[in-house]
Amino acid sequence: MRRASLLLIFLAARTFAADLQYQIPDGWVDLVDPSVDTSRFPANPVHEARSGRYRIYAVDPDNLSEQGANALVNVLEIDQRGPVTHEVMRRAMQEAWDKSRTLGYRMNILDTRVMKLGEVDIGVVDYTLGNAAGTLHLLQYFIPGEKKSAVVTYGCRPDLFDQYRPIFEASAKATKGAYSYGFDWGRALKRTLITSAIGAVIATVFAAIVLRFR
């Protein structure tokens, strides 16, 4: 009986360790958390956070507007897994750029790179996205995990980006559970990880635009 209990504890601990774990900036409020009193927050980010799409949807409570949040971070997890490479990032952002034009948004990609989170390659994109209503500056991370992968999006008004960038980067670097894949998925990678990553990009980015300028 004791051995069975210890085995269950071990498996539970291993499952927890395999999950990606995130750290929101100090003082920010995760509106996904059902225990949070949302009455003092604008309706748009609350509605989006409670849509069921996000693992985390956090805002800076000291920087809100009537329409939404002037600084936010959201985490969207996807089931597909695999290594992040320069080719993955190139294709992903090309598709995102094409999609943004189709939907009437201006997307200006400032930097796309692959960097290390511990020993794991992750993708990072720095860009602005806007329309006639205004523009957001976004910093987005593609992080592979053992069970799921994540697209972590940080966003704020362009004039606030220099102020928030160190906060965004520190939060992203504190992510735990990134997983390094030691094999090449080849064609399967193009059909799964890239496609799913693009969907996550579009969902998180356009949600941020809608919340800021609706």
N, C-alpha and C. Protein backbone atom coordinates (compact mmCIF):
# COMPACT_ATOMS: atom_id res chain seq x y z
N MET A 1 0.84 -1.19 0.00
CA MET A 1 0.00 0.00 0.00
C MET A 1 0.88 1.25 0.00
N ARG A 2 1.93 1.20 0.84
CA ARG A 2 2.82 2.35 0.95
C ARG A 2 3.55 2.57 -0.37
N ARG A 3 3.98 1.45 -0.99
CA ARG A 3 4.68 1.58 -2.27
C ARG A 3 3.77 2.20 -3.32
N ALA A 4 2.50 1.80 -3.31
CA ALA A 4 1.55 2.37 -4.27
C ALA A 4 1.38 3.86 -4.04
N SER A 5 1.30 4.26 -2.76
CA SER A 5 1.14 5.68 -2.45
C SER A 5 2.36 6.47 -2.89
N LEU A 6 3.55 5.92 -2.63
CA LEU A 6 4.78 6.60 -3.03
C LEU A 6 4.85 6.72 -4.55
N LEU A 7 4.40 5.67 -5.25
CA LEU A 7 4.42 5.70 -6.72
C LEU A 7 3.50 6.80 -7.24
N LEU A 8 2.31 6.92 -6.64
CA LEU A 8 1.38 7.96 -7.06
C LEU A 8 1.96 9.34 -6.82
N ILE A 9 2.62 9.53 -5.68
CA ILE A 9 3.25 10.82 -5.37
C ILE A 9 4.34 11.13 -6.39
N PHE A 10 5.15 10.11 -6.70
CA PHE A 10 6.23 10.29 -7.68
C PHE A 10 5.68 10.67 -9.05
N LEU A 11 4.64 9.95 -9.48
CA LEU A 11 4.07 10.24 -10.80
C LEU A 11 3.43 11.62 -10.84
N ALA A 12 2.78 12.00 -9.75
CA ALA A 12 2.18 13.33 -9.69
C ALA A 12 3.24 14.41 -9.76
N ALA A 13 4.34 14.20 -9.02
CA ALA A 13 5.43 15.17 -9.03
C ALA A 13 6.07 15.26 -10.40
N ARG A 14 6.24 14.11 -11.07
CA ARG A 14 6.85 14.09 -12.39
C ARG A 14 5.95 14.80 -13.41
N THR A 15 4.64 14.57 -13.31
CA THR A 15 3.70 15.23 -14.21
C THR A 15 3.74 16.74 -14.02
N PHE A 16 3.78 17.17 -12.75
CA PHE A 16 3.84 18.60 -12.46
C PHE A 16 5.12 19.20 -13.01
N ALA A 17 6.23 18.48 -12.84
CA ALA A 17 7.52 18.98 -13.29
C ALA A 17 7.56 19.10 -14.81
N ALA A 18 6.79 18.25 -15.50
CA ALA A 18 6.81 18.27 -16.96
C ALA A 18 6.02 19.44 -17.52
N ASP A 19 5.15 20.04 -16.73
CA ASP A 19 4.35 21.17 -17.18
C ASP A 19 5.20 22.43 -17.24
N LEU A 20 4.89 23.29 -18.21
CA LEU A 20 5.51 24.60 -18.24
C LEU A 20 4.95 25.44 -17.10
N GLN A 21 5.82 26.16 -16.44
CA GLN A 21 5.43 27.02 -15.32
C GLN A 21 5.89 28.44 -15.62
N TYR A 22 5.01 29.40 -15.36
CA TYR A 22 5.26 30.78 -15.76
C TYR A 22 5.30 31.70 -14.55
N GLN A 23 5.95 32.83 -14.73
CA GLN A 23 6.01 33.82 -13.66
C GLN A 23 5.54 35.16 -14.21
N ILE A 24 4.42 35.64 -13.71
CA ILE A 24 3.94 36.94 -14.16
C ILE A 24 4.71 38.04 -13.41
N PRO A 25 4.81 39.22 -13.98
CA PRO A 25 5.54 40.30 -13.31
C PRO A 25 4.97 40.60 -11.93
N ASP A 26 5.84 41.03 -11.03
CA ASP A 26 5.43 41.34 -9.66
C ASP A 26 4.34 42.41 -9.65
N GLY A 27 3.31 42.14 -8.88
CA GLY A 27 2.23 43.11 -8.73
C GLY A 27 1.15 43.02 -9.78
N TRP A 28 1.38 42.25 -10.85
CA TRP A 28 0.37 42.12 -11.90
C TRP A 28 -0.72 41.17 -11.45
N VAL A 29 -1.88 41.26 -12.09
CA VAL A 29 -3.04 40.46 -11.69
C VAL A 29 -3.44 39.55 -12.84
N ASP A 30 -3.54 38.25 -12.53
CA ASP A 30 -3.97 37.27 -13.52
C ASP A 30 -5.49 37.20 -13.52
N LEU A 31 -6.10 37.71 -14.57
CA LEU A 31 -7.55 37.76 -14.64
C LEU A 31 -8.18 36.41 -14.93
N VAL A 32 -7.37 35.41 -15.26
CA VAL A 32 -7.89 34.05 -15.43
C VAL A 32 -8.27 33.45 -14.07
N ASP A 33 -7.59 33.87 -13.03
CA ASP A 33 -7.81 33.35 -11.69
C ASP A 33 -9.23 33.66 -11.23
N PRO A 34 -10.06 32.63 -11.00
CA PRO A 34 -11.47 32.88 -10.63
C PRO A 34 -11.62 33.55 -9.28
N SER A 35 -10.59 33.55 -8.45
CA SER A 35 -10.69 34.19 -7.13
C SER A 35 -10.47 35.70 -7.19
N VAL A 36 -10.04 36.20 -8.34
CA VAL A 36 -9.76 37.64 -8.48
C VAL A 36 -11.07 38.41 -8.62
N ASP A 37 -11.20 39.48 -7.86
CA ASP A 37 -12.35 40.38 -7.98
C ASP A 37 -12.11 41.27 -9.21
N THR A 38 -12.88 41.06 -10.26
CA THR A 38 -12.65 41.76 -11.52
C THR A 38 -13.47 43.04 -11.66
N SER A 39 -14.17 43.44 -10.62
CA SER A 39 -15.08 44.58 -10.73
C SER A 39 -14.36 45.89 -11.02
N ARG A 40 -13.08 45.98 -10.65
CA ARG A 40 -12.36 47.24 -10.89
C ARG A 40 -11.58 47.25 -12.19
N PHE A 41 -11.72 46.18 -12.97
CA PHE A 41 -10.99 46.10 -14.24
C PHE A 41 -11.92 46.35 -15.41
N PRO A 42 -11.40 46.90 -16.51
CA PRO A 42 -12.23 47.10 -17.70
C PRO A 42 -12.83 45.78 -18.18
N ALA A 43 -14.01 45.86 -18.77
CA ALA A 43 -14.73 44.64 -19.16
C ALA A 43 -14.01 43.87 -20.26
N ASN A 44 -13.35 44.56 -21.19
CA ASN A 44 -12.74 43.87 -22.33
C ASN A 44 -11.69 42.84 -21.92
N PRO A 45 -10.66 43.21 -21.13
CA PRO A 45 -9.68 42.19 -20.75
C PRO A 45 -10.26 41.10 -19.86
N VAL A 46 -11.23 41.44 -19.03
CA VAL A 46 -11.86 40.43 -18.18
C VAL A 46 -12.58 39.40 -19.05
N HIS A 47 -13.33 39.88 -20.03
CA HIS A 47 -14.06 38.98 -20.92
C HIS A 47 -13.09 38.08 -21.67
N GLU A 48 -12.01 38.64 -22.18
CA GLU A 48 -11.04 37.84 -22.93
C GLU A 48 -10.34 36.83 -22.02
N ALA A 49 -9.95 37.27 -20.83
CA ALA A 49 -9.26 36.37 -19.90
C ALA A 49 -10.12 35.19 -19.50
N ARG A 50 -11.41 35.41 -19.37
CA ARG A 50 -12.32 34.35 -18.93
C ARG A 50 -12.91 33.56 -20.10
N SER A 51 -12.33 33.72 -21.30
CA SER A 51 -12.83 33.02 -22.48
C SER A 51 -12.48 31.53 -22.48
N GLY A 52 -11.55 31.12 -21.63
CA GLY A 52 -11.13 29.72 -21.57
C GLY A 52 -9.98 29.39 -22.50
N ARG A 53 -9.46 30.37 -23.23
CA ARG A 53 -8.37 30.10 -24.17
C ARG A 53 -7.00 30.17 -23.53
N TYR A 54 -6.89 30.85 -22.41
CA TYR A 54 -5.58 31.20 -21.88
C TYR A 54 -5.23 30.45 -20.60
N ARG A 55 -3.96 30.13 -20.47
CA ARG A 55 -3.44 29.62 -19.20
C ARG A 55 -3.26 30.79 -18.23
N ILE A 56 -2.80 31.93 -18.75
CA ILE A 56 -2.61 33.14 -17.96
C ILE A 56 -3.03 34.33 -18.81
N TYR A 57 -3.68 35.30 -18.19
CA TYR A 57 -3.96 36.58 -18.84
C TYR A 57 -3.83 37.64 -17.76
N ALA A 58 -2.65 38.22 -17.67
CA ALA A 58 -2.34 39.14 -16.58
C ALA A 58 -2.15 40.55 -17.09
N VAL A 59 -2.53 41.52 -16.27
CA VAL A 59 -2.40 42.93 -16.63
C VAL A 59 -1.73 43.68 -15.49
N ASP A 60 -1.17 44.84 -15.85
CA ASP A 60 -0.62 45.74 -14.85
C ASP A 60 -1.78 46.54 -14.28
N PRO A 61 -2.16 46.34 -13.03
CA PRO A 61 -3.34 47.01 -12.48
C PRO A 61 -3.17 48.51 -12.30
N ASP A 62 -1.91 48.95 -12.39
CA ASP A 62 -1.63 50.38 -12.23
C ASP A 62 -1.56 51.11 -13.56
N ASN A 63 -1.89 50.42 -14.66
CA ASN A 63 -1.82 51.04 -15.97
C ASN A 63 -2.97 50.55 -16.84
N LEU A 64 -4.16 51.00 -16.50
CA LEU A 64 -5.36 50.60 -17.22
C LEU A 64 -5.95 51.79 -17.97
N SER A 65 -6.70 51.49 -19.01
CA SER A 65 -7.47 52.51 -19.71
C SER A 65 -8.94 52.12 -19.65
N GLU A 66 -9.81 52.99 -20.14
CA GLU A 66 -11.23 52.64 -20.14
C GLU A 66 -11.51 51.45 -21.04
N GLN A 67 -10.71 51.32 -22.12
CA GLN A 67 -10.92 50.24 -23.09
C GLN A 67 -10.30 48.92 -22.64
N GLY A 68 -9.18 48.97 -21.93
CA GLY A 68 -8.49 47.74 -21.58
C GLY A 68 -7.23 47.99 -20.78
N ALA A 69 -6.20 47.21 -21.07
CA ALA A 69 -4.95 47.28 -20.33
C ALA A 69 -3.86 47.87 -21.22
N ASN A 70 -3.08 48.79 -20.66
CA ASN A 70 -1.97 49.37 -21.40
C ASN A 70 -0.73 48.48 -21.38
N ALA A 71 -0.73 47.47 -20.53
CA ALA A 71 0.37 46.50 -20.48
C ALA A 71 -0.20 45.17 -20.04
N LEU A 72 0.12 44.09 -20.79
CA LEU A 72 -0.46 42.79 -20.48
C LEU A 72 0.49 41.67 -20.88
N VAL A 73 0.22 40.49 -20.34
CA VAL A 73 0.90 39.27 -20.77
C VAL A 73 -0.15 38.17 -20.82
N ASN A 74 -0.14 37.39 -21.90
CA ASN A 74 -1.01 36.23 -21.93
C ASN A 74 -0.24 35.01 -22.41
N VAL A 75 -0.71 33.86 -21.96
CA VAL A 75 -0.07 32.57 -22.29
C VAL A 75 -1.11 31.68 -22.93
N LEU A 76 -0.82 31.25 -24.15
CA LEU A 76 -1.68 30.31 -24.86
C LEU A 76 -0.88 29.04 -25.10
N GLU A 77 -1.38 27.92 -24.61
CA GLU A 77 -0.68 26.64 -24.75
C GLU A 77 -1.25 25.84 -25.92
N ILE A 78 -0.37 25.14 -26.63
CA ILE A 78 -0.78 24.31 -27.76
C ILE A 78 -0.27 22.89 -27.55
N ASP A 79 -0.97 21.92 -28.12
CA ASP A 79 -0.63 20.51 -27.89
C ASP A 79 0.60 20.06 -28.68
N GLN A 80 0.89 20.70 -29.80
CA GLN A 80 2.01 20.26 -30.62
C GLN A 80 3.34 20.56 -29.94
N ARG A 81 4.30 19.68 -30.17
CA ARG A 81 5.61 19.82 -29.54
C ARG A 81 6.70 19.58 -30.59
N GLY A 82 7.87 20.11 -30.33
CA GLY A 82 8.99 19.93 -31.25
C GLY A 82 9.98 21.06 -31.08
N PRO A 83 11.14 20.94 -31.73
CA PRO A 83 12.17 21.96 -31.59
C PRO A 83 11.80 23.26 -32.30
N VAL A 84 12.23 24.37 -31.73
CA VAL A 84 12.09 25.67 -32.36
C VAL A 84 13.39 25.96 -33.11
N THR A 85 13.28 26.25 -34.39
CA THR A 85 14.46 26.52 -35.22
C THR A 85 14.29 27.86 -35.93
N HIS A 86 15.38 28.34 -36.55
CA HIS A 86 15.30 29.58 -37.32
C HIS A 86 14.30 29.46 -38.46
N GLU A 87 14.23 28.28 -39.08
CA GLU A 87 13.29 28.08 -40.19
C GLU A 87 11.85 28.12 -39.69
N VAL A 88 11.60 27.53 -38.54
CA VAL A 88 10.27 27.58 -37.95
C VAL A 88 9.85 29.04 -37.73
N MET A 89 10.75 29.83 -37.15
CA MET A 89 10.43 31.21 -36.86
C MET A 89 10.24 32.02 -38.14
N ARG A 90 11.07 31.78 -39.13
CA ARG A 90 10.95 32.52 -40.38
C ARG A 90 9.60 32.26 -41.04
N ARG A 91 9.24 31.00 -41.14
CA ARG A 91 7.97 30.64 -41.77
C ARG A 91 6.78 31.14 -40.94
N ALA A 92 6.89 31.03 -39.64
CA ALA A 92 5.79 31.45 -38.77
C ALA A 92 5.50 32.93 -38.94
N MET A 93 6.54 33.75 -38.92
CA MET A 93 6.32 35.18 -39.00
C MET A 93 5.93 35.63 -40.40
N GLN A 94 6.38 34.92 -41.41
CA GLN A 94 5.94 35.24 -42.76
C GLN A 94 4.43 35.01 -42.89
N GLU A 95 3.97 33.89 -42.34
CA GLU A 95 2.53 33.60 -42.39
C GLU A 95 1.74 34.60 -41.54
N ALA A 96 2.30 34.97 -40.38
CA ALA A 96 1.62 35.94 -39.53
C ALA A 96 1.54 37.30 -40.22
N TRP A 97 2.61 37.68 -40.91
CA TRP A 97 2.63 38.96 -41.63
C TRP A 97 1.59 38.95 -42.75
N ASP A 98 1.53 37.85 -43.50
CA ASP A 98 0.54 37.73 -44.57
C ASP A 98 -0.88 37.81 -44.01
N LYS A 99 -1.11 37.12 -42.89
CA LYS A 99 -2.43 37.10 -42.27
C LYS A 99 -2.82 38.49 -41.77
N SER A 100 -1.88 39.20 -41.20
CA SER A 100 -2.18 40.53 -40.67
C SER A 100 -2.61 41.48 -41.79
N ARG A 101 -1.96 41.38 -42.94
CA ARG A 101 -2.34 42.23 -44.07
C ARG A 101 -3.74 41.90 -44.56
N THR A 102 -4.06 40.61 -44.59
CA THR A 102 -5.39 40.20 -45.02
C THR A 102 -6.48 40.78 -44.12
N LEU A 103 -6.19 40.87 -42.83
CA LEU A 103 -7.17 41.36 -41.86
C LEU A 103 -7.10 42.86 -41.64
N GLY A 104 -6.23 43.54 -42.39
CA GLY A 104 -6.19 45.00 -42.31
C GLY A 104 -5.32 45.57 -41.22
N TYR A 105 -4.37 44.79 -40.72
CA TYR A 105 -3.44 45.26 -39.69
C TYR A 105 -2.07 45.56 -40.30
N ARG A 106 -1.37 46.50 -39.70
CA ARG A 106 0.00 46.80 -40.08
C ARG A 106 0.94 46.06 -39.12
N MET A 107 1.73 45.15 -39.64
CA MET A 107 2.67 44.39 -38.82
C MET A 107 4.09 44.75 -39.22
N ASN A 108 4.86 45.26 -38.28
CA ASN A 108 6.24 45.65 -38.53
C ASN A 108 7.16 44.79 -37.66
N ILE A 109 7.81 43.80 -38.27
CA ILE A 109 8.67 42.87 -37.54
C ILE A 109 10.04 43.52 -37.34
N LEU A 110 10.40 43.77 -36.09
CA LEU A 110 11.65 44.44 -35.74
C LEU A 110 12.80 43.46 -35.54
N ASP A 111 12.49 42.28 -35.02
CA ASP A 111 13.55 41.31 -34.74
C ASP A 111 12.93 39.93 -34.56
N THR A 112 13.54 38.92 -35.17
CA THR A 112 13.15 37.52 -34.99
C THR A 112 14.41 36.72 -34.71
N ARG A 113 14.42 35.96 -33.63
CA ARG A 113 15.65 35.23 -33.30
C ARG A 113 15.32 33.97 -32.51
N VAL A 114 16.30 33.08 -32.46
CA VAL A 114 16.26 31.90 -31.60
C VAL A 114 17.29 32.12 -30.50
N MET A 115 16.87 31.96 -29.25
CA MET A 115 17.78 32.16 -28.12
C MET A 115 17.64 30.99 -27.16
N LYS A 116 18.48 30.97 -26.15
CA LYS A 116 18.47 29.90 -25.17
C LYS A 116 17.68 30.30 -23.93
N LEU A 117 16.83 29.39 -23.48
CA LEU A 117 16.22 29.47 -22.16
C LEU A 117 16.78 28.28 -21.40
N GLY A 118 17.81 28.52 -20.58
CA GLY A 118 18.57 27.41 -20.04
C GLY A 118 19.33 26.74 -21.17
N GLU A 119 19.03 25.46 -21.43
CA GLU A 119 19.67 24.73 -22.52
C GLU A 119 18.74 24.52 -23.71
N VAL A 120 17.57 25.16 -23.68
CA VAL A 120 16.55 24.92 -24.69
C VAL A 120 16.46 26.10 -25.66
N ASP A 121 16.35 25.79 -26.96
CA ASP A 121 16.13 26.82 -27.96
C ASP A 121 14.68 27.27 -27.94
N ILE A 122 14.47 28.58 -27.84
CA ILE A 122 13.14 29.16 -27.91
C ILE A 122 13.14 30.27 -28.96
N GLY A 123 11.97 30.59 -29.49
CA GLY A 123 11.85 31.65 -30.47
C GLY A 123 11.37 32.94 -29.82
N VAL A 124 11.91 34.07 -30.31
CA VAL A 124 11.53 35.38 -29.79
C VAL A 124 11.27 36.31 -30.97
N VAL A 125 10.15 37.02 -30.92
CA VAL A 125 9.81 37.98 -31.97
C VAL A 125 9.46 39.31 -31.31
N ASP A 126 10.04 40.38 -31.85
CA ASP A 126 9.78 41.74 -31.40
C ASP A 126 9.12 42.48 -32.56
N TYR A 127 7.91 42.97 -32.37
CA TYR A 127 7.22 43.62 -33.48
C TYR A 127 6.11 44.55 -33.00
N THR A 128 5.64 45.37 -33.92
CA THR A 128 4.49 46.22 -33.65
C THR A 128 3.34 45.77 -34.55
N LEU A 129 2.13 45.98 -34.05
CA LEU A 129 0.94 45.61 -34.80
C LEU A 129 -0.12 46.67 -34.54
N GLY A 130 -0.72 47.17 -35.61
CA GLY A 130 -1.70 48.22 -35.41
C GLY A 130 -2.69 48.32 -36.55
N ASN A 131 -3.63 49.23 -36.37
CA ASN A 131 -4.61 49.55 -37.40
C ASN A 131 -4.96 51.02 -37.24
N ALA A 132 -6.07 51.46 -37.82
CA ALA A 132 -6.41 52.87 -37.77
C ALA A 132 -6.64 53.35 -36.34
N ALA A 133 -6.97 52.44 -35.44
CA ALA A 133 -7.26 52.82 -34.05
C ALA A 133 -6.00 53.01 -33.22
N GLY A 134 -4.86 52.45 -33.64
CA GLY A 134 -3.64 52.58 -32.87
C GLY A 134 -2.73 51.39 -33.04
N THR A 135 -1.68 51.36 -32.21
CA THR A 135 -0.62 50.35 -32.36
C THR A 135 -0.21 49.80 -31.00
N LEU A 136 0.15 48.52 -30.99
CA LEU A 136 0.75 47.87 -29.82
C LEU A 136 2.16 47.41 -30.17
N HIS A 137 3.04 47.45 -29.18
CA HIS A 137 4.38 46.87 -29.32
C HIS A 137 4.37 45.55 -28.56
N LEU A 138 4.74 44.47 -29.26
CA LEU A 138 4.61 43.13 -28.71
C LEU A 138 5.95 42.40 -28.69
N LEU A 139 6.16 41.66 -27.64
CA LEU A 139 7.33 40.78 -27.50
C LEU A 139 6.77 39.39 -27.25
N GLN A 140 7.08 38.46 -28.16
CA GLN A 140 6.42 37.15 -28.13
C GLN A 140 7.45 36.03 -28.08
N TYR A 141 7.18 35.04 -27.22
CA TYR A 141 8.10 33.92 -27.01
C TYR A 141 7.39 32.62 -27.38
N PHE A 142 8.09 31.77 -28.16
CA PHE A 142 7.62 30.43 -28.50
C PHE A 142 8.46 29.44 -27.70
N ILE A 143 7.83 28.75 -26.73
CA ILE A 143 8.58 27.91 -25.79
C ILE A 143 8.09 26.47 -25.88
N PRO A 144 8.94 25.52 -26.33
CA PRO A 144 8.52 24.12 -26.37
C PRO A 144 8.58 23.48 -24.99
N GLY A 145 7.58 22.68 -24.67
CA GLY A 145 7.57 21.93 -23.42
C GLY A 145 7.49 20.45 -23.71
N GLU A 146 7.60 19.63 -22.69
CA GLU A 146 7.55 18.18 -22.88
C GLU A 146 6.13 17.72 -23.21
N LYS A 147 5.12 18.33 -22.57
CA LYS A 147 3.74 17.93 -22.79
C LYS A 147 3.00 18.89 -23.73
N LYS A 148 3.31 20.17 -23.64
CA LYS A 148 2.71 21.18 -24.50
C LYS A 148 3.76 22.24 -24.82
N SER A 149 3.47 23.04 -25.82
CA SER A 149 4.29 24.20 -26.10
C SER A 149 3.48 25.45 -25.77
N ALA A 150 4.16 26.59 -25.65
CA ALA A 150 3.47 27.81 -25.25
C ALA A 150 3.87 28.98 -26.13
N VAL A 151 2.91 29.86 -26.36
CA VAL A 151 3.17 31.16 -26.96
C VAL A 151 2.88 32.19 -25.87
N VAL A 152 3.92 32.88 -25.44
CA VAL A 152 3.80 33.86 -24.36
C VAL A 152 3.94 35.24 -24.99
N THR A 153 2.90 36.05 -24.86
CA THR A 153 2.85 37.36 -25.51
C THR A 153 2.82 38.47 -24.47
N TYR A 154 3.78 39.39 -24.57
CA TYR A 154 3.81 40.59 -23.75
C TYR A 154 3.49 41.77 -24.66
N GLY A 155 2.68 42.70 -24.19
CA GLY A 155 2.33 43.83 -25.03
C GLY A 155 2.09 45.10 -24.23
N CYS A 156 2.34 46.23 -24.88
CA CYS A 156 2.08 47.52 -24.26
C CYS A 156 2.03 48.59 -25.35
N ARG A 157 1.68 49.81 -24.99
CA ARG A 157 1.75 50.92 -25.93
C ARG A 157 3.20 51.14 -26.34
N PRO A 158 3.44 51.52 -27.60
CA PRO A 158 4.83 51.71 -28.06
C PRO A 158 5.63 52.69 -27.21
N ASP A 159 5.00 53.74 -26.72
CA ASP A 159 5.73 54.73 -25.93
C ASP A 159 6.12 54.20 -24.55
N LEU A 160 5.56 53.06 -24.16
CA LEU A 160 5.87 52.47 -22.85
C LEU A 160 6.83 51.28 -22.96
N PHE A 161 7.21 50.91 -24.19
CA PHE A 161 7.93 49.66 -24.37
C PHE A 161 9.29 49.66 -23.68
N ASP A 162 10.04 50.73 -23.78
CA ASP A 162 11.36 50.77 -23.12
C ASP A 162 11.23 50.61 -21.62
N GLN A 163 10.15 51.12 -21.06
CA GLN A 163 9.90 50.99 -19.62
C GLN A 163 9.58 49.54 -19.24
N TYR A 164 8.79 48.87 -20.09
CA TYR A 164 8.32 47.54 -19.74
C TYR A 164 9.24 46.42 -20.23
N ARG A 165 10.08 46.68 -21.19
CA ARG A 165 10.87 45.59 -21.77
C ARG A 165 11.66 44.79 -20.72
N PRO A 166 12.39 45.43 -19.79
CA PRO A 166 13.10 44.62 -18.78
C PRO A 166 12.16 43.75 -17.95
N ILE A 167 10.96 44.24 -17.69
CA ILE A 167 9.97 43.47 -16.93
C ILE A 167 9.51 42.27 -17.74
N PHE A 168 9.24 42.49 -19.03
CA PHE A 168 8.82 41.40 -19.90
C PHE A 168 9.90 40.32 -19.99
N GLU A 169 11.14 40.75 -20.23
CA GLU A 169 12.24 39.79 -20.42
C GLU A 169 12.51 38.99 -19.16
N ALA A 170 12.46 39.65 -17.99
CA ALA A 170 12.69 38.93 -16.73
C ALA A 170 11.60 37.90 -16.49
N SER A 171 10.36 38.25 -16.81
CA SER A 171 9.25 37.31 -16.66
C SER A 171 9.43 36.11 -17.57
N ALA A 172 9.79 36.34 -18.83
CA ALA A 172 9.96 35.24 -19.78
C ALA A 172 11.10 34.32 -19.36
N LYS A 173 12.21 34.89 -18.91
CA LYS A 173 13.36 34.08 -18.52
C LYS A 173 13.10 33.23 -17.28
N ALA A 174 12.08 33.59 -16.52
CA ALA A 174 11.74 32.82 -15.31
C ALA A 174 10.85 31.62 -15.62
N THR A 175 10.47 31.41 -16.89
CA THR A 175 9.65 30.26 -17.27
C THR A 175 10.41 28.96 -16.98
N LYS A 176 9.73 28.00 -16.39
CA LYS A 176 10.32 26.70 -16.06
C LYS A 176 9.65 25.59 -16.89
N GLY A 177 10.41 24.55 -17.18
CA GLY A 177 9.84 23.39 -17.85
C GLY A 177 10.05 23.34 -19.34
N ALA A 178 10.83 24.27 -19.91
CA ALA A 178 11.13 24.20 -21.35
C ALA A 178 11.86 22.90 -21.64
N TYR A 179 11.55 22.29 -22.77
CA TYR A 179 12.04 20.94 -23.07
C TYR A 179 12.78 20.95 -24.39
N SER A 180 13.95 20.33 -24.39
CA SER A 180 14.79 20.27 -25.59
C SER A 180 14.55 18.97 -26.34
N TYR A 181 14.15 19.07 -27.61
CA TYR A 181 13.90 17.89 -28.44
C TYR A 181 15.15 17.58 -29.25
N GLY A 182 15.64 16.36 -29.12
CA GLY A 182 16.88 15.98 -29.77
C GLY A 182 16.72 15.31 -31.11
N PHE A 183 15.58 15.57 -31.78
CA PHE A 183 15.38 14.95 -33.09
C PHE A 183 14.72 15.95 -34.02
N ASP A 184 14.78 15.68 -35.30
CA ASP A 184 14.22 16.56 -36.32
C ASP A 184 12.90 15.99 -36.80
N TRP A 185 11.84 16.77 -36.70
CA TRP A 185 10.53 16.28 -37.10
C TRP A 185 10.34 16.31 -38.63
N GLY A 186 11.20 17.00 -39.33
CA GLY A 186 11.11 17.05 -40.78
C GLY A 186 9.78 17.62 -41.25
N ARG A 187 9.13 16.93 -42.17
CA ARG A 187 7.88 17.44 -42.74
C ARG A 187 6.77 17.54 -41.70
N ALA A 188 6.78 16.62 -40.75
CA ALA A 188 5.74 16.66 -39.72
C ALA A 188 5.78 17.96 -38.95
N LEU A 189 6.99 18.50 -38.74
CA LEU A 189 7.14 19.75 -38.01
C LEU A 189 6.43 20.89 -38.74
N LYS A 190 6.59 20.92 -40.06
CA LYS A 190 5.97 21.99 -40.83
C LYS A 190 4.46 21.93 -40.76
N ARG A 191 3.92 20.73 -40.63
CA ARG A 191 2.46 20.57 -40.64
C ARG A 191 1.83 20.75 -39.27
N THR A 192 2.62 20.59 -38.21
CA THR A 192 2.03 20.65 -36.88
C THR A 192 2.48 21.86 -36.10
N LEU A 193 3.75 21.92 -35.73
CA LEU A 193 4.21 23.00 -34.86
C LEU A 193 4.04 24.35 -35.52
N ILE A 194 4.44 24.48 -36.79
CA ILE A 194 4.34 25.77 -37.46
C ILE A 194 2.88 26.20 -37.56
N THR A 195 2.02 25.31 -38.04
CA THR A 195 0.62 25.67 -38.21
C THR A 195 -0.01 26.06 -36.89
N SER A 196 0.24 25.30 -35.85
CA SER A 196 -0.35 25.60 -34.55
C SER A 196 0.23 26.87 -33.97
N ALA A 197 1.52 27.09 -34.16
CA ALA A 197 2.13 28.31 -33.66
C ALA A 197 1.53 29.53 -34.33
N ILE A 198 1.27 29.44 -35.63
CA ILE A 198 0.66 30.55 -36.34
C ILE A 198 -0.71 30.84 -35.77
N GLY A 199 -1.49 29.80 -35.54
CA GLY A 199 -2.81 30.01 -34.95
C GLY A 199 -2.72 30.69 -33.60
N ALA A 200 -1.74 30.30 -32.81
CA ALA A 200 -1.56 30.90 -31.50
C ALA A 200 -1.13 32.36 -31.63
N VAL A 201 -0.25 32.62 -32.58
CA VAL A 201 0.19 34.00 -32.81
C VAL A 201 -1.01 34.88 -33.13
N ILE A 202 -1.81 34.46 -34.11
CA ILE A 202 -2.94 35.27 -34.53
C ILE A 202 -3.92 35.46 -33.39
N ALA A 203 -4.21 34.39 -32.65
CA ALA A 203 -5.18 34.48 -31.55
C ALA A 203 -4.72 35.46 -30.48
N THR A 204 -3.47 35.34 -30.05
CA THR A 204 -3.01 36.18 -28.95
C THR A 204 -2.81 37.62 -29.38
N VAL A 205 -2.22 37.82 -30.54
CA VAL A 205 -1.94 39.17 -31.00
C VAL A 205 -3.22 39.94 -31.29
N PHE A 206 -4.14 39.34 -32.03
CA PHE A 206 -5.35 40.07 -32.37
C PHE A 206 -6.25 40.27 -31.16
N ALA A 207 -6.20 39.33 -30.22
CA ALA A 207 -6.94 39.55 -28.97
C ALA A 207 -6.40 40.78 -28.26
N ALA A 208 -5.08 40.93 -28.24
CA ALA A 208 -4.47 42.09 -27.59
C ALA A 208 -4.87 43.39 -28.28
N ILE A 209 -4.88 43.38 -29.62
CA ILE A 209 -5.28 44.56 -30.37
C ILE A 209 -6.73 44.93 -30.05
N VAL A 210 -7.61 43.94 -30.06
CA VAL A 210 -9.02 44.19 -29.80
C VAL A 210 -9.21 44.76 -28.40
N LEU A 211 -8.50 44.22 -27.43
CA LEU A 211 -8.67 44.68 -26.05
C LEU A 211 -8.19 46.10 -25.88
N ARG A 212 -7.13 46.45 -26.57
CA ARG A 212 -6.57 47.79 -26.40
C ARG A 212 -7.40 48.86 -27.09
N PHE A 213 -7.97 48.54 -28.26
CA PHE A 213 -8.55 49.59 -29.08
C PHE A 213 -10.03 49.42 -29.36
N ARG A 214 -10.67 48.42 -28.78
CA ARG A 214 -12.10 48.20 -29.06
C ARG A 214 -12.89 49.42 -28.62
